[in-house]
N, C-alpha and C. Protein backbone atom coordinates (compact mmCIF):
# COMPACT_ATOMS: atom_id res chain seq x y z
N MET A 1 127.43 116.97 205.86
CA MET A 1 127.19 115.85 205.00
C MET A 1 126.91 116.35 203.58
N LYS A 2 127.43 115.60 202.58
CA LYS A 2 127.23 116.02 201.20
C LYS A 2 125.78 115.80 200.78
N GLU A 3 125.34 116.72 199.95
CA GLU A 3 123.98 116.60 199.44
C GLU A 3 123.97 115.61 198.28
N PHE A 4 123.02 114.72 198.27
CA PHE A 4 122.90 113.72 197.22
C PHE A 4 121.94 114.25 196.17
N THR A 5 122.46 114.57 194.99
CA THR A 5 121.63 115.14 193.93
C THR A 5 121.32 114.08 192.87
N PRO A 6 120.24 114.27 192.12
CA PRO A 6 119.91 113.32 191.06
C PRO A 6 121.02 113.18 190.02
N ASP A 7 121.76 114.27 189.75
CA ASP A 7 122.85 114.22 188.78
C ASP A 7 123.92 113.22 189.23
N LYS A 8 124.28 113.27 190.50
CA LYS A 8 125.29 112.35 191.02
C LYS A 8 124.76 110.92 191.00
N TYR A 9 123.50 110.77 191.31
CA TYR A 9 122.89 109.44 191.31
C TYR A 9 122.89 108.86 189.90
N LEU A 10 122.53 109.65 188.91
CA LEU A 10 122.49 109.20 187.53
C LEU A 10 123.90 108.83 187.05
N GLY A 11 124.89 109.65 187.35
CA GLY A 11 126.26 109.36 186.96
C GLY A 11 126.75 108.06 187.57
N HIS A 12 126.42 107.85 188.84
CA HIS A 12 126.80 106.62 189.54
C HIS A 12 126.13 105.42 188.88
N LYS A 13 124.86 105.53 188.54
CA LYS A 13 124.15 104.43 187.90
C LYS A 13 124.75 104.11 186.52
N ILE A 14 125.04 105.14 185.74
CA ILE A 14 125.64 104.92 184.42
C ILE A 14 126.98 104.22 184.55
N ASN A 15 127.79 104.63 185.50
CA ASN A 15 129.09 104.01 185.73
C ASN A 15 128.93 102.54 186.09
N ARG A 16 128.00 102.22 186.98
CA ARG A 16 127.77 100.83 187.38
C ARG A 16 127.29 99.99 186.20
N ILE A 17 126.41 100.54 185.39
CA ILE A 17 125.91 99.82 184.22
C ILE A 17 127.05 99.56 183.24
N SER A 18 127.87 100.56 183.03
CA SER A 18 129.02 100.41 182.12
C SER A 18 129.96 99.31 182.59
N ARG A 19 130.27 99.30 183.87
CA ARG A 19 131.15 98.25 184.40
C ARG A 19 130.51 96.88 184.30
N SER A 20 129.21 96.80 184.52
CA SER A 20 128.51 95.52 184.40
C SER A 20 128.56 95.01 182.97
N ILE A 21 128.38 95.89 182.01
CA ILE A 21 128.45 95.49 180.60
C ILE A 21 129.85 95.00 180.26
N ASP A 22 130.88 95.72 180.72
CA ASP A 22 132.26 95.30 180.49
C ASP A 22 132.51 93.90 181.05
N ARG A 23 132.08 93.67 182.29
CA ARG A 23 132.28 92.36 182.92
C ARG A 23 131.53 91.27 182.17
N TYR A 24 130.33 91.56 181.70
CA TYR A 24 129.54 90.59 180.97
C TYR A 24 130.28 90.15 179.70
N PHE A 25 130.75 91.10 178.91
CA PHE A 25 131.43 90.76 177.67
C PHE A 25 132.79 90.12 177.93
N ASP A 26 133.45 90.51 179.00
CA ASP A 26 134.71 89.84 179.35
C ASP A 26 134.46 88.37 179.66
N ARG A 27 133.38 88.07 180.38
CA ARG A 27 133.05 86.67 180.71
C ARG A 27 132.72 85.88 179.45
N LYS A 28 131.99 86.49 178.54
CA LYS A 28 131.62 85.81 177.29
C LYS A 28 132.84 85.56 176.42
N ARG A 29 133.73 86.55 176.36
CA ARG A 29 134.89 86.48 175.48
C ARG A 29 136.02 85.67 176.10
N CYS A 30 136.18 85.74 177.39
CA CYS A 30 137.34 85.16 178.07
C CYS A 30 136.94 84.00 178.96
N SER A 31 136.51 82.94 178.38
CA SER A 31 136.18 81.78 179.20
C SER A 31 137.44 81.01 179.55
N LYS A 32 137.49 80.53 180.77
CA LYS A 32 138.59 79.68 181.26
C LYS A 32 139.97 80.34 181.13
N ASN A 33 140.07 81.64 181.42
CA ASN A 33 141.34 82.37 181.47
C ASN A 33 142.12 82.29 180.16
N GLU A 34 141.45 82.28 179.02
CA GLU A 34 142.14 82.22 177.74
C GLU A 34 142.62 83.58 177.28
N CYS A 35 142.14 84.64 177.88
CA CYS A 35 142.58 85.98 177.51
C CYS A 35 142.45 86.89 178.73
N ILE A 36 142.92 88.10 178.58
CA ILE A 36 142.83 89.05 179.68
C ILE A 36 141.64 89.97 179.46
N PRO A 37 141.08 90.52 180.52
CA PRO A 37 139.95 91.45 180.38
C PRO A 37 140.35 92.72 179.63
N ARG A 38 139.36 93.36 179.04
CA ARG A 38 139.59 94.57 178.24
C ARG A 38 140.29 95.65 179.05
N SER A 39 139.92 95.80 180.31
CA SER A 39 140.52 96.86 181.13
C SER A 39 142.02 96.62 181.31
N GLN A 40 142.43 95.36 181.47
CA GLN A 40 143.85 95.07 181.60
C GLN A 40 144.56 95.26 180.26
N GLY A 41 143.87 94.94 179.17
CA GLY A 41 144.44 95.18 177.85
C GLY A 41 144.67 96.66 177.59
N MET A 42 143.72 97.48 178.04
CA MET A 42 143.87 98.92 177.89
C MET A 42 145.06 99.43 178.70
N MET A 43 145.25 98.86 179.89
CA MET A 43 146.38 99.25 180.73
C MET A 43 147.70 98.88 180.05
N ILE A 44 147.77 97.69 179.48
CA ILE A 44 148.98 97.27 178.77
C ILE A 44 149.23 98.20 177.58
N GLY A 45 148.16 98.54 176.85
CA GLY A 45 148.28 99.46 175.73
C GLY A 45 148.83 100.81 176.15
N TYR A 46 148.36 101.30 177.28
CA TYR A 46 148.84 102.60 177.79
C TYR A 46 150.33 102.53 178.10
N ILE A 47 150.75 101.44 178.71
CA ILE A 47 152.17 101.29 179.05
C ILE A 47 153.00 101.19 177.77
N MET A 48 152.52 100.45 176.80
CA MET A 48 153.27 100.27 175.55
C MET A 48 153.26 101.53 174.69
N ASP A 49 152.24 102.36 174.82
CA ASP A 49 152.18 103.60 174.06
C ASP A 49 153.10 104.68 174.63
N ASN A 50 153.67 104.43 175.79
CA ASN A 50 154.57 105.39 176.43
C ASN A 50 155.92 104.75 176.74
N PRO A 51 156.64 104.27 175.70
CA PRO A 51 157.89 103.56 175.96
C PRO A 51 159.02 104.46 176.46
N ASP A 52 158.89 105.76 176.22
CA ASP A 52 159.96 106.68 176.57
C ASP A 52 159.88 107.20 178.01
N ARG A 53 158.89 106.77 178.76
CA ARG A 53 158.78 107.25 180.15
C ARG A 53 158.47 106.10 181.09
N ASN A 54 158.86 106.28 182.31
CA ASN A 54 158.55 105.30 183.35
C ASN A 54 157.09 105.50 183.78
N ILE A 55 156.32 104.43 183.75
CA ILE A 55 154.91 104.49 184.15
C ILE A 55 154.80 103.93 185.56
N PHE A 56 154.23 104.71 186.44
CA PHE A 56 154.03 104.29 187.82
C PHE A 56 152.55 104.00 188.05
N GLN A 57 152.25 103.34 189.14
CA GLN A 57 150.87 103.00 189.46
C GLN A 57 150.00 104.25 189.52
N LYS A 58 150.51 105.33 190.06
CA LYS A 58 149.74 106.58 190.16
C LYS A 58 149.37 107.11 188.78
N ASP A 59 150.26 106.90 187.78
CA ASP A 59 149.96 107.34 186.41
C ASP A 59 148.75 106.57 185.86
N ILE A 60 148.73 105.26 186.10
CA ILE A 60 147.62 104.43 185.63
C ILE A 60 146.32 104.82 186.35
N GLU A 61 146.42 105.06 187.65
CA GLU A 61 145.24 105.49 188.40
C GLU A 61 144.65 106.77 187.82
N ALA A 62 145.52 107.73 187.52
CA ALA A 62 145.06 109.01 186.99
C ALA A 62 144.52 108.87 185.56
N GLU A 63 145.18 108.09 184.73
CA GLU A 63 144.76 107.93 183.34
C GLU A 63 143.40 107.27 183.22
N PHE A 64 143.15 106.25 184.02
CA PHE A 64 141.91 105.49 183.90
C PHE A 64 140.90 105.77 185.01
N HIS A 65 141.22 106.73 185.89
CA HIS A 65 140.32 107.11 186.99
C HIS A 65 139.94 105.90 187.84
N LEU A 66 140.96 105.16 188.27
CA LEU A 66 140.76 103.97 189.10
C LEU A 66 141.37 104.18 190.46
N SER A 67 140.90 103.43 191.44
CA SER A 67 141.47 103.52 192.79
C SER A 67 142.79 102.75 192.83
N GLY A 68 143.58 103.04 193.83
CA GLY A 68 144.85 102.36 194.00
C GLY A 68 144.70 100.86 194.16
N ALA A 69 143.69 100.44 194.93
CA ALA A 69 143.47 99.02 195.15
C ALA A 69 143.10 98.30 193.85
N THR A 70 142.31 98.95 193.01
CA THR A 70 141.91 98.35 191.74
C THR A 70 143.12 98.14 190.84
N VAL A 71 143.96 99.16 190.74
CA VAL A 71 145.16 99.05 189.90
C VAL A 71 146.11 98.00 190.46
N THR A 72 146.26 97.95 191.77
CA THR A 72 147.11 96.94 192.40
C THR A 72 146.64 95.53 192.03
N ASN A 73 145.33 95.30 192.14
CA ASN A 73 144.79 93.98 191.80
C ASN A 73 144.97 93.65 190.33
N MET A 74 144.81 94.64 189.47
CA MET A 74 145.00 94.41 188.04
C MET A 74 146.46 94.05 187.75
N LEU A 75 147.38 94.76 188.37
CA LEU A 75 148.80 94.48 188.15
C LEU A 75 149.19 93.11 188.69
N LYS A 76 148.64 92.74 189.84
CA LYS A 76 148.91 91.41 190.39
C LYS A 76 148.38 90.33 189.45
N SER A 77 147.19 90.53 188.93
CA SER A 77 146.59 89.57 188.02
C SER A 77 147.43 89.43 186.75
N LEU A 78 147.90 90.55 186.22
CA LEU A 78 148.75 90.50 185.03
C LEU A 78 150.07 89.79 185.31
N ALA A 79 150.61 89.98 186.50
CA ALA A 79 151.85 89.30 186.87
C ALA A 79 151.63 87.79 186.93
N LEU A 80 150.48 87.36 187.46
CA LEU A 80 150.16 85.93 187.52
C LEU A 80 150.01 85.34 186.13
N VAL A 81 149.35 86.09 185.23
CA VAL A 81 149.20 85.63 183.85
C VAL A 81 150.56 85.49 183.18
N SER A 82 151.43 86.46 183.44
CA SER A 82 152.78 86.42 182.87
C SER A 82 153.55 85.22 183.38
N LEU A 83 153.46 84.95 184.68
CA LEU A 83 154.16 83.80 185.25
C LEU A 83 153.61 82.49 184.70
N ALA A 84 152.30 82.42 184.53
CA ALA A 84 151.69 81.21 183.98
C ALA A 84 152.13 80.99 182.54
N ALA A 85 152.21 82.07 181.77
CA ALA A 85 152.63 81.95 180.37
C ALA A 85 154.09 81.50 180.28
N GLN A 86 154.93 81.97 181.20
CA GLN A 86 156.33 81.56 181.19
C GLN A 86 156.48 80.09 181.59
N ALA A 87 155.59 79.60 182.43
CA ALA A 87 155.67 78.21 182.88
C ALA A 87 155.25 77.23 181.78
N ILE A 88 154.44 77.70 180.84
CA ILE A 88 153.94 76.82 179.78
C ILE A 88 154.95 76.61 178.73
């Protein structure tokens, strides 16, 4: 079993606090689905900053240190936003 050290605990706490702050400001800024969350905007920026190469899900996972499930959900959400925008 892995040893749980204070350093790992502190890093985990900082990460959770950072994500909570991001979600808080996204809720304040993006009421009623009027915009996309900052994390999805950063993902779009990464894709647009690399027009000369094919970007795969694994590239996004590695760039932003996210799990596969998280990136999948973000991409699905962006696809829904795109479809909604096309319908309007």
